[in-house]
Amino acid sequence: PDIPGAFRAVAFELQPGQVSNPITFEGSLHILKLEER
């Protein structure tokens, strides 16, 4: 619950090394890169 739901959903769809498309959250764009599972 400490991590926004949109972040969690995207993170667990990525493969290690992949970078996400922009995620809109609280009026800003956020980019995630999955390092490892």
ModelCIF file with pLDDT and N, C-alpha, C, O atoms, coordinates in Angstrom:
data_MODEL
#
_entry.id   MODEL 
#
_entity.id                         1 
_entity.type                       polymer 
_entity.pdbx_number_of_molecules   1 
#
_entity_poly.entity_id                      1 
_entity_poly.type                           'polypeptide(L)' 
_entity_poly.nstd_linkage                   no 
_entity_poly.nstd_monomer                   no 
_entity_poly.pdbx_seq_one_letter_code       PDIPGAFRAVAFELQPGQVSNPITFEGSLHILKLEER 
_entity_poly.pdbx_seq_one_letter_code_can   PDIPGAFRAVAFELQPGQVSNPITFEGSLHILKLEER 
_entity_poly.pdbx_strand_id                 A 
#
loop_
_entity_poly_seq.entity_id 
_entity_poly_seq.num 
_entity_poly_seq.mon_id 
_entity_poly_seq.hetero 
1 1  PRO n 
1 2  ASP n 
1 3  ILE n 
1 4  PRO n 
1 5  GLY n 
1 6  ALA n 
1 7  PHE n 
1 8  ARG n 
1 9  ALA n 
1 10 VAL n 
1 11 ALA n 
1 12 PHE n 
1 13 GLU n 
1 14 LEU n 
1 15 GLN n 
1 16 PRO n 
1 17 GLY n 
1 18 GLN n 
1 19 VAL n 
1 20 SER n 
1 21 ASN n 
1 22 PRO n 
1 23 ILE n 
1 24 THR n 
1 25 PHE n 
1 26 GLU n 
1 27 GLY n 
1 28 SER n 
1 29 LEU n 
1 30 HIS n 
1 31 ILE n 
1 32 LEU n 
1 33 LYS n 
1 34 LEU n 
1 35 GLU n 
1 36 GLU n 
1 37 ARG n 
#
_struct_asym.id          A 
_struct_asym.entity_id   1 
#
loop_
_ma_qa_metric.id 
_ma_qa_metric.mode 
_ma_qa_metric.name 
_ma_qa_metric.software_group_id 
_ma_qa_metric.type 
1 global pLDDT . pLDDT 
2 local  pLDDT . pLDDT 
#
_ma_qa_metric_global.metric_id      1 
_ma_qa_metric_global.metric_value   93.62 
_ma_qa_metric_global.model_id       1 
_ma_qa_metric_global.ordinal_id     1 
#
loop_
_ma_qa_metric_local.label_asym_id 
_ma_qa_metric_local.label_comp_id 
_ma_qa_metric_local.label_seq_id 
_ma_qa_metric_local.metric_id 
_ma_qa_metric_local.metric_value 
_ma_qa_metric_local.model_id 
_ma_qa_metric_local.ordinal_id 
A PRO 1  2 89.00 1 1  
A ASP 2  2 89.00 1 2  
A ILE 3  2 91.00 1 3  
A PRO 4  2 92.00 1 4  
A GLY 5  2 93.00 1 5  
A ALA 6  2 92.00 1 6  
A PHE 7  2 94.00 1 7  
A ARG 8  2 95.00 1 8  
A ALA 9  2 95.00 1 9  
A VAL 10 2 96.00 1 10 
A ALA 11 2 96.00 1 11 
A PHE 12 2 95.00 1 12 
A GLU 13 2 95.00 1 13 
A LEU 14 2 96.00 1 14 
A GLN 15 2 96.00 1 15 
A PRO 16 2 95.00 1 16 
A GLY 17 2 95.00 1 17 
A GLN 18 2 95.00 1 18 
A VAL 19 2 95.00 1 19 
A SER 20 2 95.00 1 20 
A ASN 21 2 94.00 1 21 
A PRO 22 2 94.00 1 22 
A ILE 23 2 94.00 1 23 
A THR 24 2 92.00 1 24 
A PHE 25 2 90.00 1 25 
A GLU 26 2 86.00 1 26 
A GLY 27 2 86.00 1 27 
A SER 28 2 89.00 1 28 
A LEU 29 2 93.00 1 29 
A HIS 30 2 95.00 1 30 
A ILE 31 2 95.00 1 31 
A LEU 32 2 96.00 1 32 
A LYS 33 2 96.00 1 33 
A LEU 34 2 97.00 1 34 
A GLU 35 2 96.00 1 35 
A GLU 36 2 96.00 1 36 
A ARG 37 2 96.00 1 37 
#
loop_
_atom_site.group_PDB 
_atom_site.id 
_atom_site.type_symbol 
_atom_site.label_atom_id 
_atom_site.label_alt_id 
_atom_site.label_comp_id 
_atom_site.label_asym_id 
_atom_site.label_entity_id 
_atom_site.label_seq_id 
_atom_site.pdbx_PDB_ins_code 
_atom_site.Cartn_x 
_atom_site.Cartn_y 
_atom_site.Cartn_z 
_atom_site.occupancy 
_atom_site.B_iso_or_equiv 
_atom_site.pdbx_formal_charge 
_atom_site.auth_seq_id 
_atom_site.auth_comp_id 
_atom_site.auth_asym_id 
_atom_site.auth_atom_id 
_atom_site.pdbx_PDB_model_num 
ATOM 1   N N  . PRO A 1 1  ? 0.805  -1.228  0.000   1.00 89.00 ? 1  PRO A N  1 
ATOM 2   C CA . PRO A 1 1  ? 0.000  0.000   0.000   1.00 89.00 ? 1  PRO A CA 1 
ATOM 3   C C  . PRO A 1 1  ? 0.836  1.275   0.000   1.00 89.00 ? 1  PRO A C  1 
ATOM 4   O O  . PRO A 1 1  ? 0.312  2.359   -0.256  1.00 89.00 ? 1  PRO A O  1 
ATOM 5   N N  . ASP A 1 2  ? 2.138  1.153   0.286   1.00 89.00 ? 2  ASP A N  1 
ATOM 6   C CA . ASP A 1 2  ? 2.984  2.347   0.299   1.00 89.00 ? 2  ASP A CA 1 
ATOM 7   C C  . ASP A 1 2  ? 3.408  2.784   -1.104  1.00 89.00 ? 2  ASP A C  1 
ATOM 8   O O  . ASP A 1 2  ? 3.994  3.854   -1.270  1.00 89.00 ? 2  ASP A O  1 
ATOM 9   N N  . ILE A 1 3  ? 3.116  1.971   -2.101  1.00 91.00 ? 3  ILE A N  1 
ATOM 10  C CA . ILE A 1 3  ? 3.482  2.268   -3.483  1.00 91.00 ? 3  ILE A CA 1 
ATOM 11  C C  . ILE A 1 3  ? 2.198  2.475   -4.297  1.00 91.00 ? 3  ILE A C  1 
ATOM 12  O O  . ILE A 1 3  ? 1.270  1.674   -4.180  1.00 91.00 ? 3  ILE A O  1 
ATOM 13  N N  . PRO A 1 4  ? 2.125  3.517   -5.107  1.00 92.00 ? 4  PRO A N  1 
ATOM 14  C CA . PRO A 1 4  ? 0.911  3.755   -5.911  1.00 92.00 ? 4  PRO A CA 1 
ATOM 15  C C  . PRO A 1 4  ? 0.537  2.521   -6.750  1.00 92.00 ? 4  PRO A C  1 
ATOM 16  O O  . PRO A 1 4  ? 1.401  1.834   -7.295  1.00 92.00 ? 4  PRO A O  1 
ATOM 17  N N  . GLY A 1 5  ? -0.748 2.268   -6.832  1.00 93.00 ? 5  GLY A N  1 
ATOM 18  C CA . GLY A 1 5  ? -1.225 1.100   -7.570  1.00 93.00 ? 5  GLY A CA 1 
ATOM 19  C C  . GLY A 1 5  ? -0.775 1.083   -9.020  1.00 93.00 ? 5  GLY A C  1 
ATOM 20  O O  . GLY A 1 5  ? -0.472 0.021   -9.564  1.00 93.00 ? 5  GLY A O  1 
ATOM 21  N N  . ALA A 1 6  ? -0.726 2.262   -9.657  1.00 92.00 ? 6  ALA A N  1 
ATOM 22  C CA . ALA A 1 6  ? -0.295 2.325   -11.058 1.00 92.00 ? 6  ALA A CA 1 
ATOM 23  C C  . ALA A 1 6  ? 1.156  1.879   -11.194 1.00 92.00 ? 6  ALA A C  1 
ATOM 24  O O  . ALA A 1 6  ? 1.508  1.222   -12.174 1.00 92.00 ? 6  ALA A O  1 
ATOM 25  N N  . PHE A 1 7  ? 1.991  2.219   -10.241 1.00 94.00 ? 7  PHE A N  1 
ATOM 26  C CA . PHE A 1 7  ? 3.387  1.798   -10.265 1.00 94.00 ? 7  PHE A CA 1 
ATOM 27  C C  . PHE A 1 7  ? 3.498  0.282   -10.121 1.00 94.00 ? 7  PHE A C  1 
ATOM 28  O O  . PHE A 1 7  ? 4.248  -0.377  -10.841 1.00 94.00 ? 7  PHE A O  1 
ATOM 29  N N  . ARG A 1 8  ? 2.723  -0.256  -9.163  1.00 95.00 ? 8  ARG A N  1 
ATOM 30  C CA . ARG A 1 8  ? 2.791  -1.700  -8.918  1.00 95.00 ? 8  ARG A CA 1 
ATOM 31  C C  . ARG A 1 8  ? 2.351  -2.488  -10.148 1.00 95.00 ? 8  ARG A C  1 
ATOM 32  O O  . ARG A 1 8  ? 2.980  -3.479  -10.521 1.00 95.00 ? 8  ARG A O  1 
ATOM 33  N N  . ALA A 1 9  ? 1.266  -2.038  -10.772 1.00 95.00 ? 9  ALA A N  1 
ATOM 34  C CA . ALA A 1 9  ? 0.747  -2.748  -11.936 1.00 95.00 ? 9  ALA A CA 1 
ATOM 35  C C  . ALA A 1 9  ? 1.773  -2.775  -13.061 1.00 95.00 ? 9  ALA A C  1 
ATOM 36  O O  . ALA A 1 9  ? 2.001  -3.819  -13.672 1.00 95.00 ? 9  ALA A O  1 
ATOM 37  N N  . VAL A 1 10 ? 2.390  -1.630  -13.335 1.00 96.00 ? 10 VAL A N  1 
ATOM 38  C CA . VAL A 1 10 ? 3.376  -1.550  -14.416 1.00 96.00 ? 10 VAL A CA 1 
ATOM 39  C C  . VAL A 1 10 ? 4.628  -2.348  -14.080 1.00 96.00 ? 10 VAL A C  1 
ATOM 40  O O  . VAL A 1 10 ? 5.161  -3.056  -14.935 1.00 96.00 ? 10 VAL A O  1 
ATOM 41  N N  . ALA A 1 11 ? 5.101  -2.237  -12.840 1.00 96.00 ? 11 ALA A N  1 
ATOM 42  C CA . ALA A 1 11 ? 6.351  -2.896  -12.445 1.00 96.00 ? 11 ALA A CA 1 
ATOM 43  C C  . ALA A 1 11 ? 6.270  -4.401  -12.641 1.00 96.00 ? 11 ALA A C  1 
ATOM 44  O O  . ALA A 1 11 ? 7.244  -5.024  -13.064 1.00 96.00 ? 11 ALA A O  1 
ATOM 45  N N  . PHE A 1 12 ? 5.112  -4.996  -12.335 1.00 95.00 ? 12 PHE A N  1 
ATOM 46  C CA . PHE A 1 12 ? 4.989  -6.444  -12.429 1.00 95.00 ? 12 PHE A CA 1 
ATOM 47  C C  . PHE A 1 12 ? 4.599  -6.912  -13.834 1.00 95.00 ? 12 PHE A C  1 
ATOM 48  O O  . PHE A 1 12 ? 4.422  -8.108  -14.068 1.00 95.00 ? 12 PHE A O  1 
ATOM 49  N N  . GLU A 1 13 ? 4.468  -5.970  -14.759 1.00 95.00 ? 13 GLU A N  1 
ATOM 50  C CA . GLU A 1 13 ? 4.286  -6.324  -16.169 1.00 95.00 ? 13 GLU A CA 1 
ATOM 51  C C  . GLU A 1 13 ? 5.610  -6.287  -16.924 1.00 95.00 ? 13 GLU A C  1 
ATOM 52  O O  . GLU A 1 13 ? 5.752  -6.933  -17.963 1.00 95.00 ? 13 GLU A O  1 
ATOM 53  N N  . LEU A 1 14 ? 6.580  -5.535  -16.407 1.00 96.00 ? 14 LEU A N  1 
ATOM 54  C CA . LEU A 1 14 ? 7.873  -5.386  -17.072 1.00 96.00 ? 14 LEU A CA 1 
ATOM 55  C C  . LEU A 1 14 ? 8.749  -6.618  -16.866 1.00 96.00 ? 14 LEU A C  1 
ATOM 56  O O  . LEU A 1 14 ? 8.574  -7.380  -15.914 1.00 96.00 ? 14 LEU A O  1 
ATOM 57  N N  . GLN A 1 15 ? 9.681  -6.787  -17.770 1.00 96.00 ? 15 GLN A N  1 
ATOM 58  C CA . GLN A 1 15 ? 10.736 -7.781  -17.614 1.00 96.00 ? 15 GLN A CA 1 
ATOM 59  C C  . GLN A 1 15 ? 11.997 -7.055  -17.148 1.00 96.00 ? 15 GLN A C  1 
ATOM 60  O O  . GLN A 1 15 ? 12.175 -5.874  -17.442 1.00 96.00 ? 15 GLN A O  1 
ATOM 61  N N  . PRO A 1 16 ? 12.878 -7.758  -16.419 1.00 95.00 ? 16 PRO A N  1 
ATOM 62  C CA . PRO A 1 16 ? 14.110 -7.107  -15.946 1.00 95.00 ? 16 PRO A CA 1 
ATOM 63  C C  . PRO A 1 16 ? 14.851 -6.414  -17.088 1.00 95.00 ? 16 PRO A C  1 
ATOM 64  O O  . PRO A 1 16 ? 15.100 -7.012  -18.135 1.00 95.00 ? 16 PRO A O  1 
ATOM 65  N N  . GLY A 1 17 ? 15.200 -5.138  -16.868 1.00 95.00 ? 17 GLY A N  1 
ATOM 66  C CA . GLY A 1 17 ? 15.894 -4.341  -17.863 1.00 95.00 ? 17 GLY A CA 1 
ATOM 67  C C  . GLY A 1 17 ? 14.975 -3.482  -18.703 1.00 95.00 ? 17 GLY A C  1 
ATOM 68  O O  . GLY A 1 17 ? 15.438 -2.555  -19.367 1.00 95.00 ? 17 GLY A O  1 
ATOM 69  N N  . GLN A 1 18 ? 13.688 -3.765  -18.690 1.00 95.00 ? 18 GLN A N  1 
ATOM 70  C CA . GLN A 1 18 ? 12.736 -2.985  -19.486 1.00 95.00 ? 18 GLN A CA 1 
ATOM 71  C C  . GLN A 1 18 ? 12.396 -1.654  -18.807 1.00 95.00 ? 18 GLN A C  1 
ATOM 72  O O  . GLN A 1 18 ? 12.398 -1.539  -17.581 1.00 95.00 ? 18 GLN A O  1 
ATOM 73  N N  . VAL A 1 19 ? 12.101 -0.643  -19.657 1.00 95.00 ? 19 VAL A N  1 
ATOM 74  C CA . VAL A 1 19 ? 11.693 0.678   -19.184 1.00 95.00 ? 19 VAL A CA 1 
ATOM 75  C C  . VAL A 1 19 ? 10.245 0.903   -19.589 1.00 95.00 ? 19 VAL A C  1 
ATOM 76  O O  . VAL A 1 19 ? 9.854  0.587   -20.713 1.00 95.00 ? 19 VAL A O  1 
ATOM 77  N N  . SER A 1 20 ? 9.470  1.437   -18.698 1.00 95.00 ? 20 SER A N  1 
ATOM 78  C CA . SER A 1 20 ? 8.047  1.648   -18.958 1.00 95.00 ? 20 SER A CA 1 
ATOM 79  C C  . SER A 1 20 ? 7.808  2.869   -19.833 1.00 95.00 ? 20 SER A C  1 
ATOM 80  O O  . SER A 1 20 ? 8.691  3.710   -19.998 1.00 95.00 ? 20 SER A O  1 
ATOM 81  N N  . ASN A 1 21 ? 6.617  2.957   -20.387 1.00 94.00 ? 21 ASN A N  1 
ATOM 82  C CA . ASN A 1 21 ? 6.135  4.201   -20.978 1.00 94.00 ? 21 ASN A CA 1 
ATOM 83  C C  . ASN A 1 21 ? 5.760  5.148   -19.834 1.00 94.00 ? 21 ASN A C  1 
ATOM 84  O O  . ASN A 1 21 ? 5.658  4.704   -18.690 1.00 94.00 ? 21 ASN A O  1 
ATOM 85  N N  . PRO A 1 22 ? 5.556  6.422   -20.108 1.00 94.00 ? 22 PRO A N  1 
ATOM 86  C CA . PRO A 1 22 ? 5.203  7.366   -19.029 1.00 94.00 ? 22 PRO A CA 1 
ATOM 87  C C  . PRO A 1 22 ? 3.926  6.958   -18.304 1.00 94.00 ? 22 PRO A C  1 
ATOM 88  O O  . PRO A 1 22 ? 2.949  6.547   -18.930 1.00 94.00 ? 22 PRO A O  1 
ATOM 89  N N  . ILE A 1 23 ? 3.945  7.075   -16.987 1.00 94.00 ? 23 ILE A N  1 
ATOM 90  C CA . ILE A 1 23 ? 2.801  6.786   -16.128 1.00 94.00 ? 23 ILE A CA 1 
ATOM 91  C C  . ILE A 1 23 ? 2.342  8.113   -15.530 1.00 94.00 ? 23 ILE A C  1 
ATOM 92  O O  . ILE A 1 23 ? 3.132  8.819   -14.904 1.00 94.00 ? 23 ILE A O  1 
ATOM 93  N N  . THR A 1 24 ? 1.085  8.450   -15.717 1.00 92.00 ? 24 THR A N  1 
ATOM 94  C CA . THR A 1 24 ? 0.552  9.690   -15.154 1.00 92.00 ? 24 THR A CA 1 
ATOM 95  C C  . THR A 1 24 ? 0.083  9.440   -13.733 1.00 92.00 ? 24 THR A C  1 
ATOM 96  O O  . THR A 1 24 ? -0.759 8.577   -13.486 1.00 92.00 ? 24 THR A O  1 
ATOM 97  N N  . PHE A 1 25 ? 0.634  10.202  -12.804 1.00 90.00 ? 25 PHE A N  1 
ATOM 98  C CA . PHE A 1 25 ? 0.246  10.056  -11.390 1.00 90.00 ? 25 PHE A CA 1 
ATOM 99  C C  . PHE A 1 25 ? 0.427  11.394  -10.690 1.00 90.00 ? 25 PHE A C  1 
ATOM 100 O O  . PHE A 1 25 ? 1.502  11.993  -10.737 1.00 90.00 ? 25 PHE A O  1 
ATOM 101 N N  . GLU A 1 26 ? -0.640 11.858  -10.038 1.00 86.00 ? 26 GLU A N  1 
ATOM 102 C CA . GLU A 1 26 ? -0.647 13.120  -9.298  1.00 86.00 ? 26 GLU A CA 1 
ATOM 103 C C  . GLU A 1 26 ? -0.128 14.287  -10.136 1.00 86.00 ? 26 GLU A C  1 
ATOM 104 O O  . GLU A 1 26 ? 0.630  15.125  -9.648  1.00 86.00 ? 26 GLU A O  1 
ATOM 105 N N  . GLY A 1 27 ? -0.543 14.331  -11.397 1.00 86.00 ? 27 GLY A N  1 
ATOM 106 C CA . GLY A 1 27 ? -0.218 15.447  -12.260 1.00 86.00 ? 27 GLY A CA 1 
ATOM 107 C C  . GLY A 1 27 ? 1.169  15.434  -12.859 1.00 86.00 ? 27 GLY A C  1 
ATOM 108 O O  . GLY A 1 27 ? 1.553  16.392  -13.530 1.00 86.00 ? 27 GLY A O  1 
ATOM 109 N N  . SER A 1 28 ? 1.943  14.368  -12.637 1.00 89.00 ? 28 SER A N  1 
ATOM 110 C CA . SER A 1 28 ? 3.294  14.283  -13.185 1.00 89.00 ? 28 SER A CA 1 
ATOM 111 C C  . SER A 1 28 ? 3.456  12.999  -13.990 1.00 89.00 ? 28 SER A C  1 
ATOM 112 O O  . SER A 1 28 ? 2.670  12.060  -13.859 1.00 89.00 ? 28 SER A O  1 
ATOM 113 N N  . LEU A 1 29 ? 4.500  12.978  -14.833 1.00 93.00 ? 29 LEU A N  1 
ATOM 114 C CA . LEU A 1 29 ? 4.834  11.766  -15.583 1.00 93.00 ? 29 LEU A CA 1 
ATOM 115 C C  . LEU A 1 29 ? 5.968  11.035  -14.875 1.00 93.00 ? 29 LEU A C  1 
ATOM 116 O O  . LEU A 1 29 ? 6.942  11.650  -14.441 1.00 93.00 ? 29 LEU A O  1 
ATOM 117 N N  . HIS A 1 30 ? 5.831  9.719   -14.765 1.00 95.00 ? 30 HIS A N  1 
ATOM 118 C CA . HIS A 1 30 ? 6.808  8.894   -14.063 1.00 95.00 ? 30 HIS A CA 1 
ATOM 119 C C  . HIS A 1 30 ? 7.256  7.762   -14.988 1.00 95.00 ? 30 HIS A C  1 
ATOM 120 O O  . HIS A 1 30 ? 6.453  7.167   -15.707 1.00 95.00 ? 30 HIS A O  1 
ATOM 121 N N  . ILE A 1 31 ? 8.546  7.486   -14.950 1.00 95.00 ? 31 ILE A N  1 
ATOM 122 C CA . ILE A 1 31 ? 9.132  6.419   -15.764 1.00 95.00 ? 31 ILE A CA 1 
ATOM 123 C C  . ILE A 1 31 ? 9.767  5.406   -14.825 1.00 95.00 ? 31 ILE A C  1 
ATOM 124 O O  . ILE A 1 31 ? 10.485 5.781   -13.898 1.00 95.00 ? 31 ILE A O  1 
ATOM 125 N N  . LEU A 1 32 ? 9.506  4.122   -15.059 1.00 96.00 ? 32 LEU A N  1 
ATOM 126 C CA . LEU A 1 32 ? 10.073 3.057   -14.243 1.00 96.00 ? 32 LEU A CA 1 
ATOM 127 C C  . LEU A 1 32 ? 10.957 2.150   -15.084 1.00 96.00 ? 32 LEU A C  1 
ATOM 128 O O  . LEU A 1 32 ? 10.686 1.901   -16.258 1.00 96.00 ? 32 LEU A O  1 
ATOM 129 N N  . LYS A 1 33 ? 12.012 1.667   -14.461 1.00 96.00 ? 33 LYS A N  1 
ATOM 130 C CA . LYS A 1 33 ? 12.830 0.616   -15.064 1.00 96.00 ? 33 LYS A CA 1 
ATOM 131 C C  . LYS A 1 33 ? 12.898 -0.534  -14.073 1.00 96.00 ? 33 LYS A C  1 
ATOM 132 O O  . LYS A 1 33 ? 13.290 -0.341  -12.922 1.00 96.00 ? 33 LYS A O  1 
ATOM 133 N N  . LEU A 1 34 ? 12.518 -1.732  -14.513 1.00 97.00 ? 34 LEU A N  1 
ATOM 134 C CA . LEU A 1 34 ? 12.586 -2.897  -13.641 1.00 97.00 ? 34 LEU A CA 1 
ATOM 135 C C  . LEU A 1 34 ? 14.010 -3.430  -13.612 1.00 97.00 ? 34 LEU A C  1 
ATOM 136 O O  . LEU A 1 34 ? 14.549 -3.839  -14.641 1.00 97.00 ? 34 LEU A O  1 
ATOM 137 N N  . GLU A 1 35 ? 14.620 -3.424  -12.424 1.00 96.00 ? 35 GLU A N  1 
ATOM 138 C CA . GLU A 1 35 ? 15.977 -3.923  -12.261 1.00 96.00 ? 35 GLU A CA 1 
ATOM 139 C C  . GLU A 1 35 ? 15.990 -5.430  -12.075 1.00 96.00 ? 35 GLU A C  1 
ATOM 140 O O  . GLU A 1 35 ? 16.780 -6.133  -12.705 1.00 96.00 ? 35 GLU A O  1 
ATOM 141 N N  . GLU A 1 36 ? 15.107 -5.929  -11.200 1.00 96.00 ? 36 GLU A N  1 
ATOM 142 C CA . GLU A 1 36 ? 15.065 -7.364  -10.941 1.00 96.00 ? 36 GLU A CA 1 
ATOM 143 C C  . GLU A 1 36 ? 13.782 -7.737  -10.216 1.00 96.00 ? 36 GLU A C  1 
ATOM 144 O O  . GLU A 1 36 ? 13.079 -6.880  -9.681  1.00 96.00 ? 36 GLU A O  1 
ATOM 145 N N  . ARG A 1 37 ? 13.496 -9.011  -10.209 1.00 96.00 ? 37 ARG A N  1 
ATOM 146 C CA . ARG A 1 37 ? 12.420 -9.567  -9.408  1.00 96.00 ? 37 ARG A CA 1 
ATOM 147 C C  . ARG A 1 37 ? 13.045 -10.417 -8.310  1.00 96.00 ? 37 ARG A C  1 
ATOM 148 O O  . ARG A 1 37 ? 12.328 -10.998 -7.496  1.00 96.00 ? 37 ARG A O  1 
#
